[in-house]
Structures are given as structure tokens and as C-alpha cells.
């Protein structure tokens, strides 16, 4: 994309691609990213601890997608709002990181 910015013919070509085609490509790319994530979880093993971390991270990610409408972020400092209110991936990352650090390594079922 940086090269396309410096070479107008490439930029013109890329901007001429219909938004429906870009949407289809984006759908495939996001699907591949999700499958890669599942693959990483499978390599780490489906231990109760790993399943809990993955489940809570996904739940927070899905839950916080609607939190912008609820005004939850208005109670936080501007710095926190700028990082988390528009970026659900960062919420999921911080949740997974904290759970990995805080949960004991051997959780029983």
C-alpha cells in the first residue's frame, strides 16, 4: 500500500476495485485469521485453563463491541478511551494477557 501511494497508476487501479469485492476479500481474510487463532489454541492444547482464557477473551471482545453505545468508556481517562473504545482487539489482548498472568497454571475441570 505504501508503494501504491507513491505510484499513482497502482493507486488508481486499487481505488477502482468495487467495495463489494473488497468486502468479499475482507471476509475471507478475517476467516483465515480466525482459523489461524483456532490453530494456535489447538497447538497449545485444549486445557481447561486455555479454554477459559480463550472463552473470556472472546466474551469480552464481543461484549465490548456494544459498549461504545452504552457510554461505558466515558468513565475512563481519555488515554484509555483512545486505546480501547475503538479497538476491540486490544480489549481481547489485554484480557488474555491478564488472565494468562493471573490464573494458576494447573486449573482442574
N, C-alpha and C. Protein backbone atom coordinates (compact mmCIF):
# COMPACT_ATOMS: atom_id res chain seq x y z
N UNK A 1 0.82 -1.18 0.00
CA UNK A 1 0.00 0.00 0.00
C UNK A 1 0.87 1.26 0.00
N UNK A 2 2.04 1.18 0.63
CA UNK A 2 2.94 2.34 0.62
C UNK A 2 3.43 2.60 -0.80
N UNK A 3 3.77 1.53 -1.49
CA UNK A 3 4.22 1.68 -2.88
C UNK A 3 3.10 2.25 -3.74
N UNK A 4 1.86 1.81 -3.49
CA UNK A 4 0.73 2.32 -4.26
C UNK A 4 0.54 3.82 -4.03
N UNK A 5 0.91 4.29 -2.86
CA UNK A 5 0.81 5.73 -2.59
C UNK A 5 1.81 6.54 -3.39
N UNK A 6 2.95 5.94 -3.71
CA UNK A 6 3.98 6.66 -4.46
C UNK A 6 3.87 6.44 -5.97
N UNK A 7 3.12 5.43 -6.38
CA UNK A 7 2.94 5.15 -7.80
C UNK A 7 1.46 5.33 -8.16
N UNK A 8 1.10 6.48 -8.70
CA UNK A 8 -0.32 6.78 -8.98
C UNK A 8 -1.05 5.73 -9.81
N UNK A 9 -0.44 5.11 -10.83
CA UNK A 9 -1.21 4.12 -11.59
C UNK A 9 -1.67 2.94 -10.72
N UNK A 10 -0.83 2.51 -9.80
CA UNK A 10 -1.22 1.40 -8.92
C UNK A 10 -2.31 1.86 -7.97
N UNK A 11 -2.18 3.07 -7.44
CA UNK A 11 -3.21 3.62 -6.55
C UNK A 11 -4.55 3.77 -7.25
N UNK A 12 -4.52 4.21 -8.50
CA UNK A 12 -5.77 4.36 -9.28
C UNK A 12 -6.41 3.00 -9.50
N UNK A 13 -5.58 2.00 -9.83
CA UNK A 13 -6.11 0.65 -10.03
C UNK A 13 -6.76 0.13 -8.75
N UNK A 14 -6.08 0.27 -7.61
CA UNK A 14 -6.63 -0.23 -6.36
C UNK A 14 -7.90 0.51 -5.95
N UNK A 15 -7.97 1.80 -6.22
CA UNK A 15 -9.17 2.55 -5.85
C UNK A 15 -10.34 2.24 -6.78
N UNK A 16 -10.07 1.63 -7.93
CA UNK A 16 -11.16 1.29 -8.85
C UNK A 16 -11.83 -0.04 -8.52
N UNK A 17 -11.28 -0.79 -7.57
CA UNK A 17 -11.87 -2.07 -7.19
C UNK A 17 -13.18 -1.80 -6.45
N UNK A 18 -14.27 -2.44 -6.85
CA UNK A 18 -15.57 -2.20 -6.20
C UNK A 18 -15.56 -2.58 -4.72
N UNK A 19 -16.33 -1.87 -3.94
CA UNK A 19 -16.35 -2.14 -2.50
C UNK A 19 -16.89 -3.53 -2.17
N UNK A 20 -17.75 -4.07 -3.02
CA UNK A 20 -18.25 -5.43 -2.77
C UNK A 20 -17.14 -6.46 -2.90
N UNK A 21 -16.21 -6.24 -3.83
CA UNK A 21 -15.07 -7.15 -3.98
C UNK A 21 -14.15 -7.03 -2.77
N UNK A 22 -13.89 -5.80 -2.33
CA UNK A 22 -13.07 -5.58 -1.14
C UNK A 22 -13.72 -6.25 0.07
N UNK A 23 -15.05 -6.14 0.19
CA UNK A 23 -15.77 -6.77 1.29
C UNK A 23 -15.64 -8.28 1.26
N UNK A 24 -15.71 -8.89 0.08
CA UNK A 24 -15.54 -10.33 -0.04
C UNK A 24 -14.14 -10.78 0.33
N UNK A 25 -13.16 -10.02 -0.10
CA UNK A 25 -11.77 -10.34 0.24
C UNK A 25 -11.56 -10.20 1.74
N UNK A 26 -12.13 -9.15 2.33
CA UNK A 26 -12.01 -8.93 3.76
C UNK A 26 -12.64 -10.07 4.54
N UNK A 27 -13.77 -10.58 4.07
CA UNK A 27 -14.44 -11.69 4.72
C UNK A 27 -13.55 -12.94 4.72
N UNK A 28 -12.91 -13.21 3.60
CA UNK A 28 -12.02 -14.37 3.51
C UNK A 28 -10.81 -14.19 4.42
N UNK A 29 -10.23 -13.00 4.43
CA UNK A 29 -9.05 -12.74 5.26
C UNK A 29 -9.39 -12.88 6.73
N UNK A 30 -10.52 -12.33 7.17
CA UNK A 30 -10.91 -12.44 8.57
C UNK A 30 -11.18 -13.90 8.95
N UNK A 31 -11.76 -14.66 8.05
CA UNK A 31 -11.97 -16.09 8.30
C UNK A 31 -10.66 -16.82 8.48
N UNK A 32 -9.68 -16.49 7.66
CA UNK A 32 -8.36 -17.12 7.79
C UNK A 32 -7.69 -16.74 9.10
N UNK A 33 -7.87 -15.51 9.54
CA UNK A 33 -7.29 -15.09 10.82
C UNK A 33 -7.93 -15.85 11.98
N UNK A 34 -9.25 -16.04 11.93
CA UNK A 34 -9.93 -16.79 12.98
C UNK A 34 -9.45 -18.23 13.00
N UNK A 35 -9.33 -18.86 11.85
CA UNK A 35 -8.87 -20.24 11.78
C UNK A 35 -7.42 -20.34 12.28
N UNK A 36 -6.59 -19.36 11.97
CA UNK A 36 -5.22 -19.37 12.48
C UNK A 36 -5.21 -19.28 14.00
N UNK A 37 -6.12 -18.49 14.55
CA UNK A 37 -6.22 -18.41 16.01
C UNK A 37 -6.63 -19.74 16.62
N UNK A 38 -7.61 -20.41 16.02
CA UNK A 38 -8.02 -21.73 16.50
C UNK A 38 -6.86 -22.72 16.41
N UNK A 39 -6.10 -22.61 15.34
CA UNK A 39 -4.96 -23.50 15.15
C UNK A 39 -3.92 -23.28 16.25
N UNK A 40 -3.68 -22.02 16.62
CA UNK A 40 -2.73 -21.74 17.70
C UNK A 40 -3.23 -22.29 19.03
N UNK A 41 -4.53 -22.15 19.28
CA UNK A 41 -5.09 -22.70 20.51
C UNK A 41 -4.97 -24.22 20.51
N UNK A 42 -5.19 -24.86 19.36
CA UNK A 42 -5.08 -26.32 19.28
C UNK A 42 -3.65 -26.77 19.52
N UNK A 43 -2.67 -26.02 19.02
CA UNK A 43 -1.26 -26.38 19.25
C UNK A 43 -0.90 -26.24 20.72
N UNK A 44 -1.48 -25.25 21.40
CA UNK A 44 -1.20 -25.05 22.82
C UNK A 44 -1.90 -26.10 23.67
N UNK A 45 -2.92 -26.72 23.12
CA UNK A 45 -3.67 -27.74 23.84
C UNK A 45 -4.94 -27.18 24.43
N UNK A 46 -5.98 -27.98 24.41
CA UNK A 46 -7.27 -27.54 24.92
C UNK A 46 -7.37 -27.89 26.41
N UNK A 47 -6.50 -27.29 27.20
CA UNK A 47 -6.57 -27.47 28.64
C UNK A 47 -7.70 -26.60 29.18
N UNK A 48 -8.21 -26.93 30.36
CA UNK A 48 -9.27 -26.07 30.93
C UNK A 48 -8.82 -24.61 31.06
N UNK A 49 -7.57 -24.40 31.38
CA UNK A 49 -7.04 -23.03 31.53
C UNK A 49 -7.07 -22.30 30.19
N UNK A 50 -6.58 -22.94 29.13
CA UNK A 50 -6.56 -22.31 27.80
C UNK A 50 -7.96 -22.04 27.28
N UNK A 51 -8.87 -22.97 27.53
CA UNK A 51 -10.25 -22.77 27.09
C UNK A 51 -10.90 -21.60 27.83
N UNK A 52 -10.60 -21.47 29.13
CA UNK A 52 -11.16 -20.37 29.91
C UNK A 52 -10.61 -19.03 29.43
N UNK A 53 -9.32 -18.97 29.16
CA UNK A 53 -8.72 -17.73 28.66
C UNK A 53 -9.31 -17.35 27.31
N UNK A 54 -9.42 -18.31 26.40
CA UNK A 54 -9.98 -18.02 25.08
C UNK A 54 -11.45 -17.61 25.18
N UNK A 55 -12.22 -18.31 25.99
CA UNK A 55 -13.65 -18.01 26.11
C UNK A 55 -13.87 -16.62 26.72
N UNK A 56 -13.17 -16.30 27.78
CA UNK A 56 -13.36 -14.99 28.41
C UNK A 56 -12.87 -13.86 27.51
N UNK A 57 -11.78 -14.08 26.80
CA UNK A 57 -11.29 -13.05 25.89
C UNK A 57 -12.30 -12.78 24.78
N UNK A 58 -12.84 -13.84 24.19
CA UNK A 58 -13.85 -13.67 23.15
C UNK A 58 -15.11 -13.02 23.71
N UNK A 59 -15.52 -13.41 24.92
CA UNK A 59 -16.72 -12.83 25.52
C UNK A 59 -16.53 -11.33 25.77
N UNK A 60 -15.37 -10.96 26.29
CA UNK A 60 -15.10 -9.54 26.49
C UNK A 60 -15.07 -8.80 25.16
N UNK A 61 -14.48 -9.41 24.14
CA UNK A 61 -14.41 -8.77 22.83
C UNK A 61 -15.79 -8.53 22.25
N UNK A 62 -16.64 -9.53 22.32
CA UNK A 62 -18.00 -9.39 21.80
C UNK A 62 -18.80 -8.42 22.66
N UNK A 63 -18.62 -8.50 23.97
CA UNK A 63 -19.35 -7.62 24.87
C UNK A 63 -18.97 -6.16 24.71
N UNK A 64 -17.69 -5.90 24.49
CA UNK A 64 -17.25 -4.52 24.38
C UNK A 64 -17.50 -3.92 23.00
N UNK A 65 -17.93 -4.72 22.03
CA UNK A 65 -18.28 -4.13 20.74
C UNK A 65 -19.51 -3.24 20.87
N UNK A 66 -20.39 -3.56 21.81
CA UNK A 66 -21.58 -2.75 22.01
C UNK A 66 -21.42 -1.74 23.14
N UNK A 67 -20.28 -1.76 23.82
CA UNK A 67 -20.10 -0.86 24.96
C UNK A 67 -19.93 0.59 24.52
N UNK A 68 -19.53 0.83 23.28
CA UNK A 68 -19.40 2.21 22.80
C UNK A 68 -20.75 2.91 22.79
N UNK A 69 -21.79 2.15 22.51
CA UNK A 69 -23.13 2.73 22.51
C UNK A 69 -23.65 2.95 23.92
N UNK A 70 -23.17 2.15 24.87
CA UNK A 70 -23.65 2.26 26.24
C UNK A 70 -22.95 3.38 27.01
N UNK A 71 -21.89 3.92 26.48
CA UNK A 71 -21.18 5.00 27.15
C UNK A 71 -20.29 4.55 28.29
N UNK A 72 -19.93 3.27 28.31
CA UNK A 72 -19.07 2.75 29.37
C UNK A 72 -17.72 3.46 29.39
N UNK A 73 -17.19 3.75 28.22
CA UNK A 73 -15.84 4.32 28.14
C UNK A 73 -15.79 5.77 28.62
N UNK A 74 -16.91 6.42 28.78
CA UNK A 74 -16.91 7.81 29.24
C UNK A 74 -16.39 7.94 30.66
N UNK A 75 -16.41 6.86 31.43
CA UNK A 75 -15.94 6.89 32.82
C UNK A 75 -14.42 6.72 32.93
N UNK A 76 -13.75 6.40 31.85
CA UNK A 76 -12.32 6.16 31.87
C UNK A 76 -11.56 7.39 31.40
N UNK A 77 -10.26 7.47 31.73
CA UNK A 77 -9.44 8.58 31.22
C UNK A 77 -9.38 8.57 29.70
N UNK A 78 -9.07 9.72 29.12
CA UNK A 78 -9.03 9.86 27.66
C UNK A 78 -8.03 8.89 27.04
N UNK A 79 -6.90 8.68 27.70
CA UNK A 79 -5.89 7.75 27.19
C UNK A 79 -6.46 6.35 27.02
N UNK A 80 -7.18 5.87 28.04
CA UNK A 80 -7.79 4.54 27.97
C UNK A 80 -8.88 4.51 26.91
N UNK A 81 -9.67 5.57 26.82
CA UNK A 81 -10.72 5.64 25.80
C UNK A 81 -10.14 5.54 24.40
N UNK A 82 -9.04 6.24 24.17
CA UNK A 82 -8.46 6.25 22.82
C UNK A 82 -7.93 4.89 22.43
N UNK A 83 -7.50 4.09 23.38
CA UNK A 83 -6.96 2.77 23.05
C UNK A 83 -8.06 1.74 22.89
N UNK A 84 -9.01 1.70 23.84
CA UNK A 84 -9.95 0.59 23.89
C UNK A 84 -11.32 0.85 23.28
N UNK A 85 -11.77 2.08 23.19
CA UNK A 85 -13.14 2.30 22.74
C UNK A 85 -13.34 1.99 21.26
N UNK A 86 -12.32 2.15 20.45
CA UNK A 86 -12.45 1.89 19.02
C UNK A 86 -11.75 0.60 18.58
N UNK A 87 -11.12 -0.11 19.52
CA UNK A 87 -10.31 -1.26 19.14
C UNK A 87 -10.61 -2.43 20.07
N UNK A 88 -11.52 -3.28 19.66
CA UNK A 88 -11.92 -4.42 20.47
C UNK A 88 -10.79 -5.44 20.58
N UNK A 89 -9.93 -5.51 19.58
CA UNK A 89 -8.82 -6.45 19.61
C UNK A 89 -7.91 -6.16 20.80
N UNK A 90 -7.71 -4.89 21.11
CA UNK A 90 -6.86 -4.55 22.25
C UNK A 90 -7.51 -4.98 23.56
N UNK A 91 -8.84 -4.90 23.65
CA UNK A 91 -9.54 -5.38 24.85
C UNK A 91 -9.33 -6.88 25.00
N UNK A 92 -9.45 -7.61 23.91
CA UNK A 92 -9.26 -9.06 23.95
C UNK A 92 -7.82 -9.41 24.30
N UNK A 93 -6.86 -8.67 23.75
CA UNK A 93 -5.45 -8.93 24.03
C UNK A 93 -5.14 -8.70 25.51
N UNK A 94 -5.58 -7.58 26.04
CA UNK A 94 -5.29 -7.27 27.45
C UNK A 94 -5.98 -8.29 28.35
N UNK A 95 -7.20 -8.69 28.02
CA UNK A 95 -7.90 -9.69 28.81
C UNK A 95 -7.14 -11.01 28.81
N UNK A 96 -6.72 -11.47 27.64
CA UNK A 96 -5.98 -12.73 27.55
C UNK A 96 -4.64 -12.64 28.29
N UNK A 97 -3.96 -11.51 28.16
CA UNK A 97 -2.68 -11.34 28.83
C UNK A 97 -2.84 -11.36 30.35
N UNK A 98 -3.82 -10.62 30.86
CA UNK A 98 -4.04 -10.60 32.31
C UNK A 98 -4.46 -11.97 32.84
N UNK A 99 -5.34 -12.65 32.11
CA UNK A 99 -5.75 -13.98 32.55
C UNK A 99 -4.58 -14.96 32.53
N UNK A 100 -3.71 -14.85 31.54
CA UNK A 100 -2.56 -15.72 31.47
C UNK A 100 -1.62 -15.49 32.66
N UNK A 101 -1.50 -14.24 33.07
CA UNK A 101 -0.63 -13.93 34.21
C UNK A 101 -1.27 -14.27 35.55
N UNK A 102 -2.59 -14.14 35.66
CA UNK A 102 -3.26 -14.29 36.95
C UNK A 102 -3.77 -15.69 37.26
N UNK A 103 -4.18 -16.43 36.25
CA UNK A 103 -4.73 -17.76 36.51
C UNK A 103 -3.62 -18.75 36.85
N UNK A 104 -3.90 -19.66 37.77
CA UNK A 104 -2.89 -20.69 38.08
C UNK A 104 -2.65 -21.59 36.87
N UNK A 105 -1.46 -22.12 36.78
CA UNK A 105 -1.07 -22.91 35.59
C UNK A 105 -1.81 -24.25 35.51
N UNK A 106 -2.30 -24.78 36.62
CA UNK A 106 -2.98 -26.08 36.58
C UNK A 106 -4.39 -25.94 37.16
N UNK A 107 -5.31 -25.56 36.30
CA UNK A 107 -6.72 -25.45 36.71
C UNK A 107 -7.38 -26.80 36.48
N UNK A 108 -8.11 -27.26 37.47
CA UNK A 108 -8.85 -28.53 37.35
C UNK A 108 -10.18 -28.24 36.69
N UNK A 109 -10.77 -29.26 36.05
CA UNK A 109 -12.08 -29.12 35.41
C UNK A 109 -13.12 -28.78 36.44
